[in-house]
C-alpha atoms as a PDB file:
ATOM      1  CA  MET A   1       0.266   0.071   0.005  1.00  0.00           C
ATOM      2  CA  PRO A   2       1.311   3.856  -1.034  1.00  0.00           C
ATOM      3  CA  TYR A   3       1.735   5.726   1.812  1.00  0.00           C
ATOM      4  CA  PRO A   4       1.465   9.311   0.326  1.00  0.00           C
ATOM      5  CA  PRO A   5       2.650  12.464   2.763  1.00  0.00           C
ATOM      6  CA  ARG A   6      -0.179  14.064   3.697  1.00  0.00           C
ATOM      7  CA  GLY A   7      -1.417  17.073   6.313  1.00  0.00           C
ATOM      8  CA  ARG A   8       0.284  20.780   7.171  1.00  0.00           C
ATOM      9  CA  ILE A   9       2.441  20.156  10.044  1.00  0.00           C
ATOM     10  CA  VAL A  10       1.649  22.737  12.474  1.00  0.00           C
ATOM     11  CA  PRO A  11       4.046  24.435  15.250  1.00  0.00           C
ATOM     12  CA  TRP A  12       3.629  22.473  18.760  1.00  0.00           C
ATOM     13  CA  ASP A  13       3.424  25.762  20.946  1.00  0.00           C
ATOM     14  CA  ALA A  14      -0.343  26.976  20.283  1.00  0.00           C
ATOM     15  CA  PRO A  15      -1.379  28.403  23.596  1.00  0.00           C
ATOM     16  CA  ALA A  16      -4.815  26.004  23.246  1.00  0.00           C
ATOM     17  CA  GLY A  17      -3.022  23.020  22.899  1.00  0.00           C
ATOM     18  CA  ARG A  18       0.115  23.874  24.635  1.00  0.00           C
ATOM     19  CA  PRO A  19       2.123  20.550  25.447  1.00  0.00           C
ATOM     20  CA  ALA A  20       3.964  20.131  28.970  1.00  0.00           C
ATOM     21  CA  PRO A  21       7.950  20.925  28.738  1.00  0.00           C
ATOM     22  CA  ILE A  22       9.855  18.318  26.914  1.00  0.00           C
ATOM     23  CA  ASP A  23      12.916  16.788  28.791  1.00  0.00           C
ATOM     24  CA  LEU A  24      15.068  16.517  26.011  1.00  0.00           C
ATOM     25  CA  ALA A  25      17.081  14.023  27.493  1.00  0.00           C
ATOM     26  CA  GLY A  26      14.804  11.521  28.487  1.00  0.00           C
ATOM     27  CA  GLY A  27      12.663  12.137  25.841  1.00  0.00           C
ATOM     28  CA  ARG A  28       9.431  13.020  27.693  1.00  0.00           C
ATOM     29  CA  GLN A  29       6.725  15.426  29.228  1.00  0.00           C
ATOM     30  CA  VAL A  30       8.011  16.901  32.274  1.00  0.00           C
ATOM     31  CA  PRO A  31       4.465  16.865  35.070  1.00  0.00           C
ATOM     32  CA  ASP A  32       3.437  20.506  36.370  1.00  0.00           C
ATOM     33  CA  ARG A  33       2.745  20.029  40.095  1.00  0.00           C
ATOM     34  CA  ALA A  34      -0.603  19.574  39.853  1.00  0.00           C
ATOM     35  CA  ASP A  35      -0.180  16.546  37.463  1.00  0.00           C
ATOM     36  CA  ARG A  36       2.481  15.302  39.998  1.00  0.00           C
ATOM     37  CA  MET A  37       0.244  15.522  42.797  1.00  0.00           C
ATOM     38  CA  ALA A  38      -2.097  13.416  40.870  1.00  0.00           C
ATOM     39  CA  ARG A  39       0.120  10.946  39.996  1.00  0.00           C
ATOM     40  CA  LEU A  40       0.842  10.362  43.735  1.00  0.00           C
ATOM     41  CA  ARG A  41      -2.340  10.260  44.710  1.00  0.00           C
ATOM     42  CA  HIS A  42      -3.264   7.618  42.133  1.00  0.00           C
ATOM     43  CA  SER A  43       0.393   5.776  42.598  1.00  0.00           C
ATOM     44  CA  HIS A  44       1.268   2.688  44.927  1.00  0.00           C
ATOM     45  CA  PRO A  45       4.695   1.460  44.702  1.00  0.00           C
ATOM     46  CA  PRO A  46       5.033  -1.819  42.400  1.00  0.00           C
ATOM     47  CA  ALA A  47       5.958  -4.987  43.155  1.00  0.00           C
ATOM     48  CA  VAL A  48       9.634  -5.560  44.354  1.00  0.00           C
ATOM     49  CA  SER A  49      10.044  -8.510  41.286  1.00  0.00           C
ATOM     50  CA  ASP A  50       8.444  -6.300  39.075  1.00  0.00           C
ATOM     51  CA  ARG A  51      10.798  -3.105  39.620  1.00  0.00           C
ATOM     52  CA  LEU A  52      13.835  -5.809  39.565  1.00  0.00           C
ATOM     53  CA  ALA A  53      12.952  -7.076  36.557  1.00  0.00           C
ATOM     54  CA  VAL A  54      13.045  -3.505  34.804  1.00  0.00           C
ATOM     55  CA  LEU A  55      16.154  -2.744  36.406  1.00  0.00           C
ATOM     56  CA  PRO A  56      18.195  -3.429  33.301  1.00  0.00           C
ATOM     57  CA  GLN A  57      16.217  -1.667  30.724  1.00  0.00           C
ATOM     58  CA  TYR A  58      16.723   1.649  32.657  1.00  0.00           C
ATOM     59  CA  LEU A  59      20.501   0.640  32.228  1.00  0.00           C
ATOM     60  CA  MET A  60      20.705  -0.522  28.498  1.00  0.00           C
ATOM     61  CA  PRO A  61      21.099   1.638  25.089  1.00  0.00           C
ATOM     62  CA  LYS A  62      17.484   1.301  24.343  1.00  0.00           C
ATOM     63  CA  ARG A  63      17.282   3.751  21.486  1.00  0.00           C
ATOM     64  CA  ALA A  64      20.791   2.639  19.723  1.00  0.00           C
ATOM     65  CA  LEU A  65      19.497  -1.048  20.072  1.00  0.00           C
ATOM     66  CA  THR A  66      16.268   0.226  18.467  1.00  0.00           C
ATOM     67  CA  VAL A  67      18.140   1.822  15.620  1.00  0.00           C
ATOM     68  CA  ALA A  68      20.300  -1.043  15.028  1.00  0.00           C
ATOM     69  CA  ALA A  69      17.086  -3.386  15.060  1.00  0.00           C
ATOM     70  CA  GLY A  70      15.464  -1.032  12.273  1.00  0.00           C
ATOM     71  CA  ARG A  71      18.540  -1.618  10.180  1.00  0.00           C
ATOM     72  CA  ILE A  72      18.451  -5.265  10.160  1.00  0.00           C
ATOM     73  CA  ALA A  73      14.955  -5.468   9.696  1.00  0.00           C
ATOM     74  CA  SER A  74      15.323  -3.323   6.838  1.00  0.00           C
ATOM     75  CA  ALA A  75      17.785  -5.164   5.003  1.00  0.00           C
ATOM     76  CA  ARG A  76      17.940  -7.101   2.242  1.00  0.00           C
ATOM     77  CA  ALA A  77      19.925  -9.846   2.532  1.00  0.00           C
ATOM     78  CA  GLY A  78      19.154 -12.325   0.766  1.00  0.00           C
ATOM     79  CA  ALA A  79      19.336 -16.127   2.833  1.00  0.00           C
ATOM     80  CA  LEU A  80      20.261 -14.301   5.953  1.00  0.00           C
ATOM     81  CA  THR A  81      16.933 -13.008   5.802  1.00  0.00           C
ATOM     82  CA  THR A  82      15.039 -15.894   5.102  1.00  0.00           C
ATOM     83  CA  THR A  83      16.835 -17.356   7.709  1.00  0.00           C
ATOM     84  CA  LEU A  84      16.130 -14.332  10.714  1.00  0.00           C
ATOM     85  CA  ILE A  85      12.497 -14.856   9.290  1.00  0.00           C
ATOM     86  CA  ARG A  86      12.686 -18.891   9.849  1.00  0.00           C
ATOM     87  CA  ARG A  87      13.822 -18.586  13.183  1.00  0.00           C
ATOM     88  CA  PHE A  88      11.416 -15.886  14.020  1.00  0.00           C
ATOM     89  CA  VAL A  89       8.604 -17.922  13.199  1.00  0.00           C
ATOM     90  CA  ALA A  90       9.664 -21.031  14.653  1.00  0.00           C
ATOM     91  CA  ARG A  91      10.539 -19.194  17.590  1.00  0.00           C
ATOM     92  CA  TYR A  92       7.203 -17.267  18.235  1.00  0.00           C
ATOM     93  CA  GLY A  93       5.127 -19.872  16.584  1.00  0.00           C
ATOM     94  CA  VAL A  94       3.842 -17.281  13.570  1.00  0.00           C
ATOM     95  CA  ASN A  95       0.777 -19.082  12.320  1.00  0.00           C
ATOM     96  CA  MET A  96       1.800 -18.479   8.483  1.00  0.00           C
ATOM     97  CA  SER A  97      -1.530 -19.733   7.383  1.00  0.00           C
ATOM     98  CA  GLU A  98      -3.408 -16.897   7.603  1.00  0.00           C
ATOM     99  CA  ALA A  99      -1.282 -14.900   5.542  1.00  0.00           C
ATOM    100  CA  ALA A 100      -1.443 -13.623   1.974  1.00  0.00           C
ATOM    101  CA  ASN A 101       1.573 -15.205   1.304  1.00  0.00           C
ATOM    102  CA  PRO A 102       3.007 -18.023   3.273  1.00  0.00           C
ATOM    103  CA  ASP A 103       6.299 -18.083   1.430  1.00  0.00           C
ATOM    104  CA  LEU A 104       8.710 -16.785   3.999  1.00  0.00           C
ATOM    105  CA  ALA A 105      11.473 -17.318   1.033  1.00  0.00           C
ATOM    106  CA  SER A 106       9.819 -14.705  -0.654  1.00  0.00           C
ATOM    107  CA  TYR A 107      10.063 -11.759   1.457  1.00  0.00           C
ATOM    108  CA  ALA A 108      12.861  -9.465   0.977  1.00  0.00           C
ATOM    109  CA  SER A 109      12.931  -8.287   4.238  1.00  0.00           C
ATOM    110  CA  PHE A 110      12.550  -8.736   7.529  1.00  0.00           C
ATOM    111  CA  ASN A 111       9.932  -5.692   7.742  1.00  0.00           C
ATOM    112  CA  GLU A 112       8.280  -6.941   4.365  1.00  0.00           C
ATOM    113  CA  PHE A 113       7.551 -10.179   6.779  1.00  0.00           C
ATOM    114  CA  PHE A 114       6.789  -8.648   9.999  1.00  0.00           C
ATOM    115  CA  THR A 115       4.000  -6.020   7.986  1.00  0.00           C
ATOM    116  CA  ARG A 116       2.591  -8.628   5.981  1.00  0.00           C
ATOM    117  CA  PRO A 117      -1.284  -8.643   5.028  1.00  0.00           C
ATOM    118  CA  LEU A 118      -3.693 -11.214   5.976  1.00  0.00           C
ATOM    119  CA  LYS A 119      -5.775 -13.371   3.471  1.00  0.00           C
ATOM    120  CA  PRO A 120      -8.910 -12.054   2.488  1.00  0.00           C
ATOM    121  CA  GLY A 121     -11.689 -12.968   4.891  1.00  0.00           C
ATOM    122  CA  ALA A 122      -8.847 -13.813   7.598  1.00  0.00           C
ATOM    123  CA  ARG A 123     -10.615 -11.540  10.089  1.00  0.00           C
ATOM    124  CA  PRO A 124     -14.276 -11.008   9.351  1.00  0.00           C
ATOM    125  CA  LEU A 125     -15.847  -7.639  10.876  1.00  0.00           C
ATOM    126  CA  ALA A 126     -18.328  -8.454  13.967  1.00  0.00           C
ATOM    127  CA  ALA A 127     -21.367  -6.626  13.762  1.00  0.00           C
ATOM    128  CA  ALA A 128     -20.789  -3.985  16.541  1.00  0.00           C
ATOM    129  CA  ASP A 129     -20.290  -0.576  17.051  1.00  0.00           C
ATOM    130  CA  LEU A 130     -16.796  -0.719  17.831  1.00  0.00           C
ATOM    131  CA  ILE A 131     -14.520  -3.252  16.815  1.00  0.00           C
ATOM    132  CA  CYS A 132     -10.974  -4.967  17.687  1.00  0.00           C
ATOM    133  CA  PRO A 133      -8.860  -3.214  15.999  1.00  0.00           C
ATOM    134  CA  VAL A 134      -5.958  -5.665  16.338  1.00  0.00           C
ATOM    135  CA  ASP A 135      -4.603  -9.011  16.846  1.00  0.00           C
ATOM    136  CA  GLY A 136      -2.903  -9.146  20.464  1.00  0.00           C
ATOM    137  CA  ALA A 137      -4.011  -9.368  24.408  1.00  0.00           C
ATOM    138  CA  ILE A 138      -5.942  -7.097  26.154  1.00  0.00           C
ATOM    139  CA  SER A 139      -3.478  -5.001  28.900  1.00  0.00           C
ATOM    140  CA  GLN A 140      -6.177  -3.303  30.690  1.00  0.00           C
ATOM    141  CA  PHE A 141      -9.558  -1.240  29.657  1.00  0.00           C
ATOM    142  CA  GLY A 142     -12.447   0.612  31.252  1.00  0.00           C
ATOM    143  CA  PRO A 143     -13.244   4.253  32.574  1.00  0.00           C
ATOM    144  CA  VAL A 144     -11.079   6.598  32.386  1.00  0.00           C
ATOM    145  CA  GLN A 145     -11.109   7.805  36.346  1.00  0.00           C
ATOM    146  CA  ASP A 146     -11.802  11.824  35.652  1.00  0.00           C
ATOM    147  CA  ASP A 147      -8.442  12.415  33.981  1.00  0.00           C
ATOM    148  CA  GLN A 148      -6.612   9.009  34.913  1.00  0.00           C
ATOM    149  CA  ILE A 149      -6.071   5.761  32.903  1.00  0.00           C
ATOM    150  CA  PHE A 150      -5.388   2.758  34.835  1.00  0.00           C
ATOM    151  CA  GLN A 151      -1.637   1.157  33.528  1.00  0.00           C
ATOM    152  CA  ALA A 152      -1.381  -1.482  36.161  1.00  0.00           C
ATOM    153  CA  LYS A 153      -1.767  -2.122  40.047  1.00  0.00           C
ATOM    154  CA  GLY A 154      -0.186   0.661  41.433  1.00  0.00           C
ATOM    155  CA  HIS A 155      -0.201   2.773  38.458  1.00  0.00           C
ATOM    156  CA  SER A 156      -1.895   5.406  36.348  1.00  0.00           C
ATOM    157  CA  TYR A 157      -1.363   8.142  34.193  1.00  0.00           C
ATOM    158  CA  THR A 158      -3.188  11.292  32.834  1.00  0.00           C
ATOM    159  CA  THR A 159      -4.645  11.606  29.509  1.00  0.00           C
ATOM    160  CA  THR A 160      -2.891  14.871  28.860  1.00  0.00           C
ATOM    161  CA  ALA A 161       0.166  12.950  29.303  1.00  0.00           C
ATOM    162  CA  LEU A 162      -0.648  10.375  26.528  1.00  0.00           C
ATOM    163  CA  VAL A 163      -1.499  12.437  23.766  1.00  0.00           C
ATOM    164  CA  GLY A 164       1.574  14.813  24.558  1.00  0.00           C
ATOM    165  CA  GLY A 165       0.605  17.479  26.911  1.00  0.00           C
ATOM    166  CA  ASP A 166      -2.464  18.954  24.839  1.00  0.00           C
ATOM    167  CA  ALA A 167      -5.200  19.588  27.562  1.00  0.00           C
ATOM    168  CA  ARG A 168      -7.686  20.815  25.538  1.00  0.00           C
ATOM    169  CA  LEU A 169      -7.595  17.524  23.543  1.00  0.00           C
ATOM    170  CA  ALA A 170      -7.369  15.339  27.013  1.00  0.00           C
ATOM    171  CA  ALA A 171     -10.312  17.429  28.205  1.00  0.00           C
ATOM    172  CA  GLU A 172     -12.849  15.509  25.423  1.00  0.00           C
ATOM    173  CA  PHE A 173     -12.017  12.545  27.136  1.00  0.00           C
ATOM    174  CA  ARG A 174     -12.273  13.240  30.554  1.00  0.00           C
ATOM    175  CA  GLY A 175     -14.349  10.625  32.140  1.00  0.00           C
ATOM    176  CA  GLY A 176     -14.406   8.907  29.489  1.00  0.00           C
ATOM    177  CA  HIS A 177     -13.026   5.273  28.206  1.00  0.00           C
ATOM    178  CA  PHE A 178     -10.093   3.522  27.016  1.00  0.00           C
ATOM    179  CA  ALA A 179      -8.108   0.397  26.093  1.00  0.00           C
ATOM    180  CA  THR A 180      -4.840  -0.671  26.065  1.00  0.00           C
ATOM    181  CA  LEU A 181      -3.899  -3.526  23.805  1.00  0.00           C
ATOM    182  CA  TYR A 182      -0.864  -5.157  23.838  1.00  0.00           C
ATOM    183  CA  LEU A 183       0.986  -6.941  20.529  1.00  0.00           C
ATOM    184  CA  SER A 184       3.181  -9.755  20.759  1.00  0.00           C
ATOM    185  CA  PRO A 185       6.165 -10.711  18.242  1.00  0.00           C
ATOM    186  CA  ARG A 186       3.869 -13.198  16.767  1.00  0.00           C
ATOM    187  CA  ASP A 187       0.767 -10.903  16.051  1.00  0.00           C
ATOM    188  CA  TYR A 188      -0.011  -9.514  12.780  1.00  0.00           C
ATOM    189  CA  HIS A 189       0.842  -5.909  12.956  1.00  0.00           C
ATOM    190  CA  ARG A 190      -1.368  -3.933  11.178  1.00  0.00           C
ATOM    191  CA  ILE A 191      -4.035  -1.434  12.703  1.00  0.00           C
ATOM    192  CA  HIS A 192      -7.434  -1.126  11.933  1.00  0.00           C
ATOM    193  CA  MET A 193     -10.199   1.474  12.842  1.00  0.00           C
ATOM    194  CA  PRO A 194     -12.782   0.085  15.433  1.00  0.00           C
ATOM    195  CA  CYS A 195     -15.095   2.631  13.429  1.00  0.00           C
ATOM    196  CA  GLU A 196     -15.303   4.672  10.879  1.00  0.00           C
ATOM    197  CA  GLY A 197     -13.406   7.968  11.630  1.00  0.00           C
ATOM    198  CA  ARG A 198     -12.500  11.371   9.720  1.00  0.00           C
ATOM    199  CA  LEU A 199      -8.508  12.358  10.438  1.00  0.00           C
ATOM    200  CA  ARG A 200      -8.237  15.302  12.170  1.00  0.00           C
ATOM    201  CA  SER A 201      -4.743  15.532  13.540  1.00  0.00           C
ATOM    202  CA  MET A 202      -1.579  13.452  13.925  1.00  0.00           C
ATOM    203  CA  VAL A 203       1.237  14.491  16.610  1.00  0.00           C
ATOM    204  CA  HIS A 204       4.704  12.413  17.322  1.00  0.00           C
ATOM    205  CA  VAL A 205       5.718  12.691  20.774  1.00  0.00           C
ATOM    206  CA  PRO A 206       9.328  11.591  21.569  1.00  0.00           C
ATOM    207  CA  GLY A 207      10.131   9.581  24.587  1.00  0.00           C
ATOM    208  CA  ASP A 208      11.736   6.525  26.074  1.00  0.00           C
ATOM    209  CA  LEU A 209      11.910   3.016  24.361  1.00  0.00           C
ATOM    210  CA  PHE A 210      11.124   0.604  27.315  1.00  0.00           C
ATOM    211  CA  SER A 211       9.645  -2.609  26.361  1.00  0.00           C
ATOM    212  CA  VAL A 212       5.834  -2.826  26.734  1.00  0.00           C
ATOM    213  CA  ASN A 213       5.141  -6.305  27.610  1.00  0.00           C
ATOM    214  CA  PRO A 214       3.007  -7.125  31.055  1.00  0.00           C
ATOM    215  CA  THR A 215       5.852  -7.024  33.466  1.00  0.00           C
ATOM    216  CA  THR A 216       7.082  -3.687  32.285  1.00  0.00           C
ATOM    217  CA  ALA A 217       3.840  -2.394  32.302  1.00  0.00           C
ATOM    218  CA  ARG A 218       3.659  -3.343  36.043  1.00  0.00           C
ATOM    219  CA  GLY A 219       7.089  -1.921  36.805  1.00  0.00           C
ATOM    220  CA  VAL A 220       7.364   0.939  34.782  1.00  0.00           C
ATOM    221  CA  PRO A 221       5.043   4.064  35.824  1.00  0.00           C
ATOM    222  CA  GLY A 222       3.213   5.964  33.388  1.00  0.00           C
ATOM    223  CA  LEU A 223       4.828   3.528  31.007  1.00  0.00           C
ATOM    224  CA  PHE A 224       2.743   4.413  27.688  1.00  0.00           C
ATOM    225  CA  ALA A 225       2.737   8.122  28.312  1.00  0.00           C
ATOM    226  CA  ARG A 226       6.287   7.699  28.838  1.00  0.00           C
ATOM    227  CA  ASN A 227       7.422   5.812  25.589  1.00  0.00           C
ATOM    228  CA  GLU A 228       7.576   7.548  22.023  1.00  0.00           C
ATOM    229  CA  ARG A 229       4.470   7.371  20.840  1.00  0.00           C
ATOM    230  CA  VAL A 230       1.665   8.670  17.468  1.00  0.00           C
ATOM    231  CA  VAL A 231      -1.323   9.873  18.444  1.00  0.00           C
ATOM    232  CA  CYS A 232      -3.887   9.994  15.788  1.00  0.00           C
ATOM    233  CA  VAL A 233      -7.074  11.863  16.469  1.00  0.00           C
ATOM    234  CA  PHE A 234     -10.170  11.153  14.439  1.00  0.00           C
ATOM    235  CA  ASP A 235     -13.912  12.435  14.421  1.00  0.00           C
ATOM    236  CA  GLY A 236     -16.552   9.302  14.562  1.00  0.00           C
ATOM    237  CA  PRO A 237     -20.091   8.607  14.505  1.00  0.00           C
ATOM    238  CA  ARG A 238     -20.682   9.629  18.354  1.00  0.00           C
ATOM    239  CA  GLY A 239     -17.706  12.113  18.679  1.00  0.00           C
ATOM    240  CA  PRO A 240     -14.174  12.568  18.869  1.00  0.00           C
ATOM    241  CA  PHE A 241     -11.745   9.178  19.438  1.00  0.00           C
ATOM    242  CA  VAL A 242      -8.040   8.426  19.584  1.00  0.00           C
ATOM    243  CA  LEU A 243      -5.951   5.840  18.578  1.00  0.00           C
ATOM    244  CA  VAL A 244      -2.027   6.054  20.007  1.00  0.00           C
ATOM    245  CA  LEU A 245       0.377   3.977  18.670  1.00  0.00           C
ATOM    246  CA  VAL A 246       2.818   3.338  21.105  1.00  0.00           C
ATOM    247  CA  GLY A 247       7.086   2.503  20.403  1.00  0.00           C
ATOM    248  CA  ALA A 248       8.933   0.218  22.208  1.00  0.00           C
ATOM    249  CA  THR A 249      12.905  -1.151  22.422  1.00  0.00           C
ATOM    250  CA  ILE A 250      13.409  -2.550  19.107  1.00  0.00           C
ATOM    251  CA  VAL A 251      10.138  -0.910  17.566  1.00  0.00           C
ATOM    252  CA  GLY A 252      11.966   0.256  14.336  1.00  0.00           C
ATOM    253  CA  SER A 253       9.757   2.926  13.081  1.00  0.00           C
ATOM    254  CA  MET A 254       5.715   3.474  12.651  1.00  0.00           C
ATOM    255  CA  ALA A 255       3.691   4.252   9.719  1.00  0.00           C
ATOM    256  CA  THR A 256      -0.188   5.507   8.608  1.00  0.00           C
ATOM    257  CA  VAL A 257      -1.736   5.111   5.629  1.00  0.00           C
ATOM    258  CA  TRP A 258      -1.988   9.145   5.488  1.00  0.00           C
ATOM    259  CA  HIS A 259       1.402   9.756   6.165  1.00  0.00           C
ATOM    260  CA  GLY A 260       3.887   6.615   5.841  1.00  0.00           C
ATOM    261  CA  LEU A 261       6.898   6.162   8.199  1.00  0.00           C
ATOM    262  CA  VAL A 262       6.238   8.663  11.004  1.00  0.00           C
ATOM    263  CA  ASN A 263       9.653   7.857  12.828  1.00  0.00           C
ATOM    264  CA  PRO A 264      12.633   8.273  11.931  1.00  0.00           C
ATOM    265  CA  PRO A 265      13.481  10.871  11.652  1.00  0.00           C
ATOM    266  CA  ARG A 266      13.170  11.034  15.460  1.00  0.00           C
ATOM    267  CA  PRO A 267      13.842  14.714  16.105  1.00  0.00           C
ATOM    268  CA  GLY A 268      13.538  15.196  19.828  1.00  0.00           C
ATOM    269  CA  VAL A 269      10.311  17.680  19.818  1.00  0.00           C
ATOM    270  CA  PRO A 270       6.826  16.856  19.430  1.00  0.00           C
ATOM    271  CA  ARG A 271       5.478  17.548  15.813  1.00  0.00           C
ATOM    272  CA  GLN A 272       1.871  17.638  14.911  1.00  0.00           C
ATOM    273  CA  TRP A 273      -0.217  17.507  11.430  1.00  0.00           C
ATOM    274  CA  ASP A 274      -3.157  18.733  11.091  1.00  0.00           C
ATOM    275  CA  TYR A 275      -5.561  17.319   8.405  1.00  0.00           C
ATOM    276  CA  ALA A 276      -9.071  19.589   9.399  1.00  0.00           C
ATOM    277  CA  ASP A 277      -8.845  20.726   5.615  1.00  0.00           C
ATOM    278  CA  GLN A 278      -8.878  17.521   4.141  1.00  0.00           C
ATOM    279  CA  ALA A 279     -11.302  14.703   3.409  1.00  0.00           C
ATOM    280  CA  ILE A 280      -9.607  11.819   4.924  1.00  0.00           C
ATOM    281  CA  THR A 281     -12.062   9.370   6.361  1.00  0.00           C
ATOM    282  CA  LEU A 282     -11.361   5.544   6.821  1.00  0.00           C
ATOM    283  CA  LYS A 283     -13.809   3.027   7.191  1.00  0.00           C
ATOM    284  CA  GLN A 284     -14.512   0.731  10.129  1.00  0.00           C
ATOM    285  CA  GLY A 285     -12.074  -2.306   9.684  1.00  0.00           C
ATOM    286  CA  ASP A 286      -9.900  -0.378   7.044  1.00  0.00           C
ATOM    287  CA  GLU A 287      -6.397  -0.370   7.864  1.00  0.00           C
ATOM    288  CA  MET A 288      -4.995   2.490   9.662  1.00  0.00           C
ATOM    289  CA  GLY A 289      -1.354   1.829  10.800  1.00  0.00           C
ATOM    290  CA  ARG A 290       1.367  -0.650  11.482  1.00  0.00           C
ATOM    291  CA  PHE A 291       4.060  -1.594  13.580  1.00  0.00           C
ATOM    292  CA  LEU A 292       7.716  -2.496  12.168  1.00  0.00           C
ATOM    293  CA  LEU A 293       8.177  -4.593  15.110  1.00  0.00           C
ATOM    294  CA  GLY A 294       5.380  -5.034  18.025  1.00  0.00           C
ATOM    295  CA  SER A 295       4.080  -2.966  20.420  1.00  0.00           C
ATOM    296  CA  THR A 296       0.616  -1.556  22.229  1.00  0.00           C
ATOM    297  CA  VAL A 297      -2.006   0.462  20.878  1.00  0.00           C
ATOM    298  CA  VAL A 298      -3.806   2.580  23.229  1.00  0.00           C
ATOM    299  CA  MET A 299      -7.754   4.058  22.823  1.00  0.00           C
ATOM    300  CA  LEU A 300      -9.673   6.911  23.716  1.00  0.00           C
ATOM    301  CA  PHE A 301     -13.532   7.397  23.820  1.00  0.00           C
ATOM    302  CA  PRO A 302     -15.270  10.233  25.290  1.00  0.00           C
ATOM    303  CA  GLN A 303     -17.848  10.216  27.931  1.00  0.00           C
ATOM    304  CA  GLY A 304     -21.106   8.732  27.156  1.00  0.00           C
ATOM    305  CA  PRO A 305     -22.978   5.142  26.997  1.00  0.00           C
ATOM    306  CA  LEU A 306     -20.387   2.737  26.048  1.00  0.00           C
ATOM    307  CA  GLU A 307     -20.346  -0.901  27.232  1.00  0.00           C
ATOM    308  CA  PHE A 308     -17.107  -2.981  26.547  1.00  0.00           C
ATOM    309  CA  ASN A 309     -17.701  -7.310  25.089  1.00  0.00           C
ATOM    310  CA  PRO A 310     -18.557  -9.028  28.816  1.00  0.00           C
ATOM    311  CA  ALA A 311     -16.063 -11.550  27.504  1.00  0.00           C
ATOM    312  CA  TRP A 312     -13.144  -9.330  27.290  1.00  0.00           C
ATOM    313  CA  ALA A 313     -11.009  -9.118  30.393  1.00  0.00           C
ATOM    314  CA  PRO A 314      -7.652  -8.292  31.285  1.00  0.00           C
ATOM    315  CA  ALA A 315      -4.911 -10.672  29.692  1.00  0.00           C
ATOM    316  CA  ARG A 316      -7.748 -12.234  27.320  1.00  0.00           C
ATOM    317  CA  PRO A 317      -6.061 -12.724  23.739  1.00  0.00           C
ATOM    318  CA  ILE A 318      -8.018 -10.740  21.289  1.00  0.00           C
ATOM    319  CA  ARG A 319      -8.431 -10.722  17.370  1.00  0.00           C
ATOM    320  CA  LEU A 320      -8.858  -8.078  14.751  1.00  0.00           C
ATOM    321  CA  GLY A 321     -12.815  -7.329  13.555  1.00  0.00           C
ATOM    322  CA  GLU A 322     -14.108  -8.956  16.569  1.00  0.00           C
ATOM    323  CA  ALA A 323     -16.713  -7.269  18.894  1.00  0.00           C
ATOM    324  CA  MET A 324     -14.933  -4.609  21.381  1.00  0.00           C
ATOM    325  CA  ALA A 325     -17.964  -2.635  22.473  1.00  0.00           C
ATOM    326  CA  SER A 326     -21.322  -1.606  22.103  1.00  0.00           C
ATOM    327  CA  LEU A 327     -21.598   2.542  22.239  1.00  0.00           C
ATOM    328  CA  GLY A 328     -26.011   2.391  23.560  1.00  0.00           C
ATOM    329  CA  THR A 329     -28.221   5.174  22.744  1.00  0.00           C
ATOM    330  CA  ALA A 330     -27.091   8.473  22.248  1.00  0.00           C
END
């Protein structure tokens, strides 16, 4: 699928949506006093075992590893690439029978294999207001408590921090709903639309590159608002919604269908694109983006009637197209 660069890049210092200051050394928003106090009220120390498990991630050169992994994944190395792909499939039990092209030797690069399309009809769409946008597993989901998103026991973070410091945008989801979905290495790594939406804006927020696996989610405070991420804002049938593509260690890049590769480059400051003057509308189930190596998607929906699939529970496996939630009576 071609990736035509579209949209107007705008300065990220407008008073209406001014982000929190950026800590360029760590690449994350520096919370103001109110935000720090809110985090203290809603935080408890993680288990010692989780803290110890993630300690090496604070020390390792995550960005250098990610750059190196990106170069390897994009290399066209013939037999070496095929060997890498075969080992990956065996290690993680990737189901190639669902792929549109199951021939491992035909993929010119690891990235081409990793972002492989599925066979037509492999993921039928449920008759639901909101469908699951990815294959993976549920990390957490539920109500946004005022402006707090639950991450794991003892950890929460604010909607403002997640969207890159834009308080006006975050306010649209105060008291709303969220879902955090984890994509493991074996999963299909394209992201699709949970419902129809017209693109409003996109922001690339710099940040750390911690792993996003369940252990790290329990051990690193504010993980999903701390890592590098791409915030995509849409207007849907029942109001605005946000899809946040969260980067991680070894995630070489993220891409959207309207822009192409968003990162690299990584300039160390937020970048925002405005699409208000363009009619970019994606239907429910359409591809909206992809990870080049796996990560996590966080979704925000506004306050209002929304009932998640009663079969959903943290750690439950999920598939693209299954029913995620109903919106009830508007």
